[in-house]
Amino acid sequence: MTSYSDIISLLVGIVFSILLPIVTCFSRKRIYASWARIASLAACVAGLGWGVLGYVLLHSTVSISESVRLEGIKGMLGGICIGLAISIMIAKPYEKRVA
């Protein structure tokens, strides 16, 4: 039986990883550099992979060695997503639009 907090954390992570490229590409207040748009798409893919692996690990019966290997990949994808998102947020290669 899985707890609701696990499912909620997976859904929140997936939603935020989808929102990152949407905000980066379609923001009206800030013009992000092209590297930030590409990095946000990579963070989205990594975040979706993290969510899918988390869901698969919650609802599947795999052996211990496969579970450990998948948990490692899941942690790596989560770290890539968080690292790219933080680097986009703290970098200042954008211009503010004056409207």
C-alpha atoms as a PDB file:
ATOM      1  CA  MET A   1       0.000   0.000   0.000  1.00  0.00           C
ATOM      2  CA  THR A   2       1.437   3.322  -1.002  1.00  0.00           C
ATOM      3  CA  SER A   3       0.931   6.421   1.054  1.00  0.00           C
ATOM      4  CA  TYR A   4      -0.765   9.474  -0.343  1.00  0.00           C
ATOM      5  CA  SER A   5       2.258  11.640   0.403  1.00  0.00           C
ATOM      6  CA  ASP A   6       4.348   9.630  -2.080  1.00  0.00           C
ATOM      7  CA  ILE A   7       1.776  10.094  -4.824  1.00  0.00           C
ATOM      8  CA  ILE A   8       1.336  13.792  -4.023  1.00  0.00           C
ATOM      9  CA  SER A   9       5.088  14.425  -4.106  1.00  0.00           C
ATOM     10  CA  LEU A  10       5.335  12.687  -7.488  1.00  0.00           C
ATOM     11  CA  LEU A  11       2.471  14.772  -8.883  1.00  0.00           C
ATOM     12  CA  VAL A  12       3.923  18.033  -7.548  1.00  0.00           C
ATOM     13  CA  GLY A  13       7.319  17.199  -9.055  1.00  0.00           C
ATOM     14  CA  ILE A  14       5.787  16.370 -12.426  1.00  0.00           C
ATOM     15  CA  VAL A  15       3.662  19.534 -12.476  1.00  0.00           C
ATOM     16  CA  PHE A  16       6.610  21.787 -11.583  1.00  0.00           C
ATOM     17  CA  SER A  17       8.845  20.118 -14.161  1.00  0.00           C
ATOM     18  CA  ILE A  18       6.189  20.805 -16.811  1.00  0.00           C
ATOM     19  CA  LEU A  19       5.697  24.406 -15.648  1.00  0.00           C
ATOM     20  CA  LEU A  20       9.412  25.267 -15.838  1.00  0.00           C
ATOM     21  CA  PRO A  21       9.729  25.271 -19.654  1.00  0.00           C
ATOM     22  CA  ILE A  22       6.332  26.921 -20.024  1.00  0.00           C
ATOM     23  CA  VAL A  23       7.406  29.818 -17.798  1.00  0.00           C
ATOM     24  CA  THR A  24      10.847  30.014 -19.394  1.00  0.00           C
ATOM     25  CA  CYS A  25       9.610  30.028 -22.976  1.00  0.00           C
ATOM     26  CA  PHE A  26       6.432  32.087 -22.629  1.00  0.00           C
ATOM     27  CA  SER A  27       7.188  34.600 -19.879  1.00  0.00           C
ATOM     28  CA  ARG A  28       5.976  38.108 -20.703  1.00  0.00           C
ATOM     29  CA  LYS A  29       8.027  39.828 -18.013  1.00  0.00           C
ATOM     30  CA  ARG A  30      11.437  38.304 -18.753  1.00  0.00           C
ATOM     31  CA  ILE A  31      13.265  37.287 -21.894  1.00  0.00           C
ATOM     32  CA  TYR A  32      15.323  34.208 -21.089  1.00  0.00           C
ATOM     33  CA  ALA A  33      18.443  33.272 -23.022  1.00  0.00           C
ATOM     34  CA  SER A  34      18.302  30.377 -25.442  1.00  0.00           C
ATOM     35  CA  TRP A  35      20.472  28.186 -23.197  1.00  0.00           C
ATOM     36  CA  ALA A  36      17.927  28.583 -20.406  1.00  0.00           C
ATOM     37  CA  ARG A  37      15.102  27.474 -22.692  1.00  0.00           C
ATOM     38  CA  ILE A  38      17.038  24.384 -23.756  1.00  0.00           C
ATOM     39  CA  ALA A  39      18.019  23.635 -20.155  1.00  0.00           C
ATOM     40  CA  SER A  40      14.400  23.974 -19.049  1.00  0.00           C
ATOM     41  CA  LEU A  41      13.339  21.431 -21.654  1.00  0.00           C
ATOM     42  CA  ALA A  42      16.074  19.053 -20.439  1.00  0.00           C
ATOM     43  CA  ALA A  43      14.897  19.603 -16.850  1.00  0.00           C
ATOM     44  CA  CYS A  44      11.340  18.820 -17.947  1.00  0.00           C
ATOM     45  CA  VAL A  45      12.415  15.532 -19.518  1.00  0.00           C
ATOM     46  CA  ALA A  46      14.435  14.612 -16.424  1.00  0.00           C
ATOM     47  CA  GLY A  47      11.551  15.545 -14.127  1.00  0.00           C
ATOM     48  CA  LEU A  48       9.071  13.506 -16.124  1.00  0.00           C
ATOM     49  CA  GLY A  49      11.458  10.560 -16.080  1.00  0.00           C
ATOM     50  CA  TRP A  50      11.778  10.942 -12.312  1.00  0.00           C
ATOM     51  CA  GLY A  51       8.006  10.926 -11.929  1.00  0.00           C
ATOM     52  CA  VAL A  52       7.440   7.955 -14.199  1.00  0.00           C
ATOM     53  CA  LEU A  53      10.145   5.917 -12.481  1.00  0.00           C
ATOM     54  CA  GLY A  54       8.721   6.830  -9.094  1.00  0.00           C
ATOM     55  CA  TYR A  55       5.251   5.716 -10.152  1.00  0.00           C
ATOM     56  CA  VAL A  56       6.605   2.472 -11.620  1.00  0.00           C
ATOM     57  CA  LEU A  57       8.547   1.731  -8.450  1.00  0.00           C
ATOM     58  CA  LEU A  58       5.454   2.357  -6.316  1.00  0.00           C
ATOM     59  CA  HIS A  59       3.243  -0.038  -8.263  1.00  0.00           C
ATOM     60  CA  SER A  60       5.510  -2.795  -9.529  1.00  0.00           C
ATOM     61  CA  THR A  61       7.045  -5.871  -8.039  1.00  0.00           C
ATOM     62  CA  VAL A  62      10.642  -6.094  -9.155  1.00  0.00           C
ATOM     63  CA  SER A  63      13.584  -7.835  -7.575  1.00  0.00           C
ATOM     64  CA  ILE A  64      15.734  -6.089  -4.995  1.00  0.00           C
ATOM     65  CA  SER A  65      18.675  -5.578  -7.358  1.00  0.00           C
ATOM     66  CA  GLU A  66      16.470  -4.077 -10.068  1.00  0.00           C
ATOM     67  CA  SER A  67      14.717  -1.867  -7.514  1.00  0.00           C
ATOM     68  CA  VAL A  68      18.017  -0.528  -6.199  1.00  0.00           C
ATOM     69  CA  ARG A  69      19.245   0.189  -9.721  1.00  0.00           C
ATOM     70  CA  LEU A  70      15.997   1.978 -10.658  1.00  0.00           C
ATOM     71  CA  GLU A  71      16.081   4.004  -7.423  1.00  0.00           C
ATOM     72  CA  GLY A  72      19.588   5.157  -8.331  1.00  0.00           C
ATOM     73  CA  ILE A  73      18.478   6.252 -11.781  1.00  0.00           C
ATOM     74  CA  LYS A  74      15.458   7.986 -10.247  1.00  0.00           C
ATOM     75  CA  GLY A  75      17.701   9.906  -7.844  1.00  0.00           C
ATOM     76  CA  MET A  76      20.028  10.917 -10.656  1.00  0.00           C
ATOM     77  CA  LEU A  77      17.134  12.210 -12.784  1.00  0.00           C
ATOM     78  CA  GLY A  78      15.741  14.141  -9.819  1.00  0.00           C
ATOM     79  CA  GLY A  79      19.136  15.714  -9.164  1.00  0.00           C
ATOM     80  CA  ILE A  80      19.516  16.730 -12.799  1.00  0.00           C
ATOM     81  CA  CYS A  81      16.068  18.329 -12.783  1.00  0.00           C
ATOM     82  CA  ILE A  82      16.658  20.232  -9.546  1.00  0.00           C
ATOM     83  CA  GLY A  83      20.151  21.339 -10.590  1.00  0.00           C
ATOM     84  CA  LEU A  84      19.020  22.682 -13.944  1.00  0.00           C
ATOM     85  CA  ALA A  85      16.025  24.441 -12.397  1.00  0.00           C
ATOM     86  CA  ILE A  86      18.195  26.126  -9.754  1.00  0.00           C
ATOM     87  CA  SER A  87      20.772  27.214 -12.335  1.00  0.00           C
ATOM     88  CA  ILE A  88      18.033  28.787 -14.467  1.00  0.00           C
ATOM     89  CA  MET A  89      16.552  30.571 -11.460  1.00  0.00           C
ATOM     90  CA  ILE A  90      19.803  32.042 -10.140  1.00  0.00           C
ATOM     91  CA  ALA A  91      21.305  33.023 -13.502  1.00  0.00           C
ATOM     92  CA  LYS A  92      20.608  36.535 -14.702  1.00  0.00           C
ATOM     93  CA  PRO A  93      21.102  36.430 -18.483  1.00  0.00           C
ATOM     94  CA  TYR A  94      17.660  37.804 -19.140  1.00  0.00           C
ATOM     95  CA  GLU A  95      16.277  41.234 -19.798  1.00  0.00           C
ATOM     96  CA  LYS A  96      13.213  42.654 -18.143  1.00  0.00           C
ATOM     97  CA  ARG A  97      10.574  43.867 -20.528  1.00  0.00           C
ATOM     98  CA  VAL A  98       9.305  47.370 -20.077  1.00  0.00           C
ATOM     99  CA  ALA A  99       5.655  47.568 -21.012  1.00  0.00           C
END
